N, C-alpha and C. Protein backbone atom coordinates (compact mmCIF):
# COMPACT_ATOMS: atom_id res chain seq x y z
N MET A 1 0.84 -1.18 -0.10
CA MET A 1 0.04 0.54 0.08
C MET A 1 0.93 1.51 0.03
N THR A 2 0.98 1.99 -0.96
CA THR A 2 0.93 3.11 -0.36
C THR A 2 0.42 4.62 -0.37
N ILE A 3 1.01 5.66 0.30
CA ILE A 3 0.19 7.13 0.71
C ILE A 3 1.13 7.73 0.39
N MET A 4 -0.14 8.88 -0.05
CA MET A 4 0.32 9.74 -1.31
C MET A 4 -0.35 10.88 -0.41
N LEU A 5 0.31 11.40 0.15
CA LEU A 5 1.11 13.12 0.93
C LEU A 5 1.29 13.73 -0.23
N TYR A 6 0.72 15.00 0.20
CA TYR A 6 1.31 16.52 -0.71
C TYR A 6 1.61 17.46 0.12
N VAL A 7 3.01 17.94 -0.65
CA VAL A 7 3.46 18.80 0.83
C VAL A 7 4.53 19.91 0.02
N THR A 8 4.79 21.02 0.24
CA THR A 8 5.39 22.47 0.35
C THR A 8 6.54 22.40 -0.66
N ASP A 9 7.25 21.32 -0.01
CA ASP A 9 8.76 21.20 0.24
C ASP A 9 9.29 19.72 -0.16
N VAL A 10 9.06 18.42 -1.15
CA VAL A 10 9.31 17.61 -0.81
C VAL A 10 10.89 16.84 -0.64
N GLU A 11 11.35 17.62 -0.18
CA GLU A 11 12.85 17.52 0.16
C GLU A 11 12.85 17.33 1.24
N HIS A 12 11.89 18.37 1.77
CA HIS A 12 12.12 19.09 3.22
C HIS A 12 11.52 18.63 3.87
N SER A 13 10.56 18.33 3.22
CA SER A 13 9.34 16.95 4.16
C SER A 13 10.42 15.90 4.03
N ALA A 14 10.70 14.98 3.41
CA ALA A 14 11.27 13.76 2.98
C ALA A 14 12.46 13.59 4.29
N ASP A 15 12.97 14.34 4.20
CA ASP A 15 14.20 14.91 5.77
C ASP A 15 13.06 14.55 6.88
N PHE A 16 12.04 14.95 7.08
CA PHE A 16 11.66 15.86 8.37
C PHE A 16 10.32 14.05 8.71
N TRP A 17 10.45 12.92 7.80
CA TRP A 17 9.70 11.91 8.18
C TRP A 17 10.69 10.91 8.56
N SER A 18 11.75 10.66 7.42
CA SER A 18 12.84 10.03 7.93
C SER A 18 13.80 10.13 8.75
N GLN A 19 14.17 11.47 9.64
CA GLN A 19 14.23 11.84 11.22
C GLN A 19 13.09 11.31 12.70
N GLY A 20 12.30 12.13 12.02
CA GLY A 20 11.10 11.81 13.20
C GLY A 20 10.69 10.45 13.03
N PHE A 21 10.78 9.42 12.11
CA PHE A 21 10.65 8.28 12.44
C PHE A 21 11.50 7.29 11.78
N LYS A 22 12.70 7.58 11.75
CA LYS A 22 13.99 6.62 11.80
C LYS A 22 13.48 5.70 10.13
N ILE A 23 13.03 6.09 8.94
CA ILE A 23 13.06 5.58 7.90
C ILE A 23 13.66 5.88 7.32
N SER A 24 13.95 5.28 5.79
CA SER A 24 14.96 5.52 4.96
C SER A 24 13.66 5.41 3.28
N HIS A 25 14.70 6.46 2.48
CA HIS A 25 14.22 6.61 0.88
C HIS A 25 14.52 5.18 0.12
N ILE A 26 13.48 4.85 0.23
CA ILE A 26 13.01 3.87 -1.18
C ILE A 26 13.69 4.23 -2.38
N GLU A 27 12.93 5.70 -3.45
CA GLU A 27 13.93 5.72 -4.08
C GLU A 27 12.66 7.93 -4.75
N THR A 28 13.32 8.68 -5.21
CA THR A 28 13.30 10.03 -5.70
C THR A 28 12.65 9.41 -7.88
N ILE A 29 11.53 10.07 -7.45
CA ILE A 29 11.55 9.36 -9.15
C ILE A 29 11.48 11.01 -9.82
N GLU A 30 12.22 11.49 -10.88
CA GLU A 30 11.82 12.78 -11.43
C GLU A 30 10.47 12.29 -12.13
N LEU A 31 9.60 13.88 -12.29
CA LEU A 31 8.87 13.53 -12.77
C LEU A 31 8.69 15.03 -13.48
N PRO A 32 7.41 15.36 -14.57
CA PRO A 32 7.39 15.87 -15.49
C PRO A 32 8.25 17.67 -14.77
N LYS A 33 8.60 18.17 -15.31
CA LYS A 33 8.85 19.38 -15.49
C LYS A 33 9.65 19.89 -14.30
N GLY A 34 10.23 19.08 -13.85
CA GLY A 34 10.93 19.29 -13.21
C GLY A 34 10.63 18.72 -11.68
N PHE A 35 9.54 18.19 -11.62
CA PHE A 35 9.56 17.67 -10.27
C PHE A 35 9.92 16.62 -10.07
N ILE A 36 10.18 16.25 -8.83
CA ILE A 36 10.20 14.99 -7.86
C ILE A 36 8.84 14.91 -7.24
N SER A 37 9.29 13.36 -6.58
CA SER A 37 8.03 12.45 -5.89
C SER A 37 9.55 11.78 -4.67
N VAL A 38 9.01 11.38 -4.03
CA VAL A 38 9.69 10.98 -2.63
C VAL A 38 9.29 9.84 -1.67
N LYS A 39 9.69 8.17 -2.27
CA LYS A 39 9.22 7.10 -1.42
C LYS A 39 10.31 6.98 -0.34
N LEU A 40 9.19 6.87 0.68
CA LEU A 40 9.61 6.13 2.08
C LEU A 40 9.23 4.98 2.67
N THR A 41 9.71 4.26 3.12
CA THR A 41 9.63 3.24 4.08
C THR A 41 8.31 3.12 4.87
N LEU A 42 7.18 3.13 5.58
CA LEU A 42 6.71 3.12 6.36
C LEU A 42 7.14 2.26 7.53
N LEU A 43 6.11 1.13 6.69
CA LEU A 43 6.12 -0.65 7.49
C LEU A 43 6.79 -1.34 6.44
N ASN A 44 6.75 -2.77 6.81
CA ASN A 44 6.99 -3.93 5.69
C ASN A 44 6.26 -3.85 4.12
N GLN A 45 4.84 -3.28 4.30
CA GLN A 45 4.44 -2.88 2.85
C GLN A 45 3.82 -1.67 2.79
N VAL A 46 3.92 -0.64 3.64
CA VAL A 46 3.61 0.34 3.20
C VAL A 46 4.74 1.65 3.23
N THR A 47 4.48 2.57 1.88
CA THR A 47 5.19 3.05 1.54
C THR A 47 4.36 4.74 2.13
N LEU A 48 5.15 5.66 2.03
CA LEU A 48 4.98 7.10 2.48
C LEU A 48 5.59 7.23 1.02
N GLN A 49 4.61 8.20 0.12
CA GLN A 49 4.47 8.98 -1.76
C GLN A 49 4.78 10.52 -1.11
N LEU A 50 5.97 11.08 -1.14
CA LEU A 50 5.83 12.46 -1.17
C LEU A 50 5.43 13.56 -2.75
N PHE A 51 4.15 14.06 -2.90
CA PHE A 51 4.99 15.08 -4.02
C PHE A 51 4.18 15.86 -3.60
N SER A 52 4.67 17.03 -4.45
CA SER A 52 5.15 19.04 -4.24
C SER A 52 3.33 18.75 -4.77
N LYS A 53 3.12 20.17 -3.52
CA LYS A 53 1.92 20.65 -4.38
C LYS A 53 1.50 21.55 -4.77
N ASP A 54 2.57 22.32 -5.86
CA ASP A 54 2.13 21.95 -7.50
C ASP A 54 2.21 21.21 -7.94
N PHE A 55 2.79 19.89 -7.98
CA PHE A 55 2.88 19.60 -9.68
C PHE A 55 1.36 18.88 -9.37
N ILE A 56 1.05 18.67 -8.20
CA ILE A 56 -0.70 18.27 -8.21
C ILE A 56 -1.26 18.93 -8.37
N ALA A 57 -1.26 20.40 -8.13
CA ALA A 57 -2.21 21.89 -8.92
C ALA A 57 -1.97 21.39 -9.92
N GLU A 58 -0.72 21.38 -10.76
CA GLU A 58 -1.02 21.50 -12.93
C GLU A 58 -1.37 19.46 -12.35
N PHE A 59 -1.35 18.82 -12.20
CA PHE A 59 -1.74 17.95 -13.22
C PHE A 59 -2.53 16.42 -12.41
N SER A 60 -2.75 17.31 -11.18
CA SER A 60 -4.12 16.40 -10.26
C SER A 60 -4.87 17.27 -9.23
N PRO A 61 -5.20 18.59 -9.88
CA PRO A 61 -5.71 19.85 -9.12
C PRO A 61 -7.15 18.97 -8.37
N GLU A 62 -7.89 18.10 -9.14
CA GLU A 62 -9.24 17.49 -8.33
C GLU A 62 -8.64 17.44 -6.54
N VAL A 63 -7.48 16.55 -6.37
CA VAL A 63 -6.64 16.03 -4.95
C VAL A 63 -6.07 16.37 -4.87
N LEU A 64 -5.88 18.15 -5.03
CA LEU A 64 -4.85 18.42 -3.63
C LEU A 64 -5.37 18.98 -2.47
N THR A 65 -6.26 19.34 -2.42
CA THR A 65 -6.69 19.12 -1.16
C THR A 65 -6.47 17.75 -0.16
N ASN A 66 -6.89 16.36 -1.02
CA ASN A 66 -7.12 15.67 0.19
C ASN A 66 -5.59 15.30 1.27
N THR A 67 -6.46 15.36 2.13
CA THR A 67 -4.39 14.50 3.68
C THR A 67 -5.65 13.41 3.95
N PRO A 68 -4.34 12.37 3.45
CA PRO A 68 -5.05 11.10 4.83
C PRO A 68 -4.97 11.61 5.91
N SER A 69 -5.59 10.46 7.14
CA SER A 69 -6.31 10.84 8.05
C SER A 69 -5.68 9.33 8.47
N LEU A 70 -3.95 9.41 9.61
CA LEU A 70 -3.38 8.56 9.56
C LEU A 70 -2.99 8.61 11.14
N LEU A 71 -2.82 6.60 11.58
CA LEU A 71 -2.34 6.67 13.02
C LEU A 71 -1.88 6.03 12.89
N LEU A 72 -0.81 6.30 13.51
CA LEU A 72 0.43 5.82 13.14
C LEU A 72 1.22 4.72 15.32
N GLN A 73 0.92 3.42 14.73
CA GLN A 73 1.25 2.81 15.76
C GLN A 73 2.83 2.67 16.46
N THR A 74 3.24 3.01 17.84
CA THR A 74 5.22 2.60 18.00
C THR A 74 5.15 1.79 19.21
N SER A 75 6.13 1.20 19.51
CA SER A 75 6.21 0.25 20.53
C SER A 75 6.95 0.76 21.31
N GLU A 76 7.53 1.87 21.73
CA GLU A 76 8.13 2.76 21.94
C GLU A 76 7.74 4.39 22.05
N ILE A 77 6.35 4.13 22.48
CA ILE A 77 5.88 5.68 21.93
C ILE A 77 6.59 7.28 22.90
N ASP A 78 7.03 7.15 24.21
CA ASP A 78 7.38 8.18 24.72
C ASP A 78 9.57 8.33 23.61
N LYS A 79 9.60 7.83 23.47
CA LYS A 79 10.90 7.87 22.18
C LYS A 79 10.81 8.10 21.05
N GLN A 80 9.69 7.98 20.74
CA GLN A 80 9.01 9.00 19.38
C GLN A 80 7.98 10.23 19.43
N HIS A 81 7.82 10.28 21.05
CA HIS A 81 7.43 11.72 20.97
C HIS A 81 8.88 12.64 21.58
N THR A 82 9.87 11.92 22.31
CA THR A 82 10.92 12.78 22.20
C THR A 82 11.69 13.17 20.77
N ALA A 83 10.94 12.46 19.64
CA ALA A 83 12.25 12.57 18.14
C ALA A 83 11.16 13.64 17.79
N LEU A 84 9.74 13.39 17.77
CA LEU A 84 9.33 14.73 16.85
C LEU A 84 8.93 15.31 17.51
N LYS A 85 9.94 15.83 18.39
CA LYS A 85 9.24 17.53 18.88
C LYS A 85 10.52 18.20 18.94
N GLU A 86 11.80 17.87 18.64
CA GLU A 86 12.69 18.20 17.97
C GLU A 86 13.02 18.72 16.86
N ILE A 87 11.71 18.21 15.61
CA ILE A 87 11.63 18.44 14.44
C ILE A 87 10.45 19.12 13.68
N SER A 88 9.18 18.89 14.67
CA SER A 88 7.92 19.38 14.22
C SER A 88 7.19 20.23 15.00
N PRO A 89 7.01 21.15 14.27
CA PRO A 89 6.43 22.53 14.77
C PRO A 89 5.08 21.64 15.50
N MET A 90 4.56 21.16 15.90
CA MET A 90 3.53 20.71 17.11
C MET A 90 3.59 19.33 16.91
N VAL A 91 3.72 19.55 18.47
CA VAL A 91 3.42 17.60 19.40
C VAL A 91 2.66 17.74 20.34
N SER A 92 1.69 17.29 20.40
CA SER A 92 0.74 17.38 22.23
C SER A 92 1.61 16.61 23.05
N ASP A 93 1.12 16.78 23.90
CA ASP A 93 1.58 15.64 25.24
C ASP A 93 1.28 14.66 24.89
N ILE A 94 1.34 13.72 26.16
CA ILE A 94 0.71 12.43 25.68
C ILE A 94 0.25 12.41 27.01
N SER A 95 -1.35 11.69 25.79
CA SER A 95 -2.51 11.41 26.90
C SER A 95 -2.62 9.78 26.96
N GLU A 96 -3.71 9.70 27.65
CA GLU A 96 -4.14 8.25 27.86
C GLU A 96 -5.41 7.98 27.30
N VAL A 97 -6.08 6.83 26.37
CA VAL A 97 -7.00 6.75 25.96
C VAL A 97 -7.30 5.74 26.11
N THR A 98 -8.34 4.96 26.23
CA THR A 98 -9.21 3.84 26.48
C THR A 98 -7.96 2.81 26.90
N GLY A 99 -7.15 2.62 27.81
CA GLY A 99 -5.42 2.49 28.42
C GLY A 99 -4.23 2.53 27.60
N LYS A 100 -4.37 3.09 26.78
CA LYS A 100 -3.31 3.77 25.61
C LYS A 100 -2.59 4.95 25.59
N LYS A 101 -1.56 4.52 25.71
CA LYS A 101 -0.45 6.29 25.30
C LYS A 101 -0.53 7.00 23.74
N GLN A 102 -1.16 7.80 23.52
CA GLN A 102 -1.30 8.36 22.42
C GLN A 102 -0.52 10.54 22.73
N PHE A 103 -0.19 10.70 21.30
CA PHE A 103 0.20 12.09 21.05
C PHE A 103 -0.10 12.16 19.71
N TYR A 104 -0.73 13.84 19.06
CA TYR A 104 -0.61 13.37 18.19
C TYR A 104 0.04 15.12 17.48
N PHE A 105 0.88 15.40 16.38
CA PHE A 105 2.01 15.83 16.08
C PHE A 105 0.88 16.87 14.42
N ALA A 106 2.34 17.88 14.00
CA ALA A 106 1.58 18.46 12.84
C ALA A 106 3.27 17.89 12.31
N ASP A 107 2.62 17.44 10.44
CA ASP A 107 4.43 17.87 9.82
C ASP A 107 4.53 18.98 9.27
N LEU A 108 5.35 19.44 8.54
CA LEU A 108 6.19 20.49 7.51
C LEU A 108 4.43 21.47 7.37
N ASP A 109 3.93 20.93 7.19
CA ASP A 109 2.85 22.06 6.37
C ASP A 109 1.21 21.87 6.92
N GLU A 110 1.87 21.58 8.01
CA GLU A 110 0.91 21.07 9.22
C GLU A 110 -0.49 19.90 8.68
N HIS A 111 -0.05 19.89 8.61
CA HIS A 111 -0.85 18.11 8.38
C HIS A 111 -0.77 17.66 9.77
N TYR A 112 -2.40 17.14 10.23
CA TYR A 112 -2.15 16.53 11.67
C TYR A 112 -2.15 15.09 11.48
N PHE A 113 -1.56 13.96 12.18
CA PHE A 113 -1.24 12.90 12.28
C PHE A 113 -1.77 12.14 13.99
N ALA A 114 -1.57 10.70 14.14
CA ALA A 114 -2.22 10.76 15.67
C ALA A 114 -0.79 8.94 15.87
N VAL A 115 -0.51 9.52 16.79
CA VAL A 115 0.73 8.18 16.96
C VAL A 115 -0.37 7.70 18.72
N ILE A 116 -0.49 5.72 18.53
CA ILE A 116 -0.79 5.07 19.69
C ILE A 116 0.20 4.55 19.92
N GLU A 117 0.26 4.22 21.28
CA GLU A 117 0.77 2.81 21.28
C GLU A 117 0.23 1.50 20.77
N GLY A 118 1.28 0.35 20.40
CA GLY A 118 0.78 -0.35 19.79
C GLY A 118 1.96 -1.61 19.55
N TYR A 119 1.57 -2.52 19.07
CA TYR A 119 2.34 -3.75 18.74
C TYR A 119 2.79 -5.01 19.40
């Protein structure tokens, strides 16, 4: 499965996700008119593919405002929280709901995502 995320700066956003989640680039894809897309590994069979908002506005404007709602799981929620606090413009405090720790954070384009203790 591939999750597509539309961002202002693909390379900067790729660095954010790589640093915040210790994930690696799979590939950088050259697109028309000098645009690029970057694929990152989230899980064994899940990739995050970053596209420039400018590229999407030109080639697929009907999906530009679509943002996926992601709930990420980690067995090291405190460590993940600390890592994201160093690079994210907004990270909530850790709270406990239904017996599991969770928090949410924003990426560099102010997309909000949730992280929950799991595995």
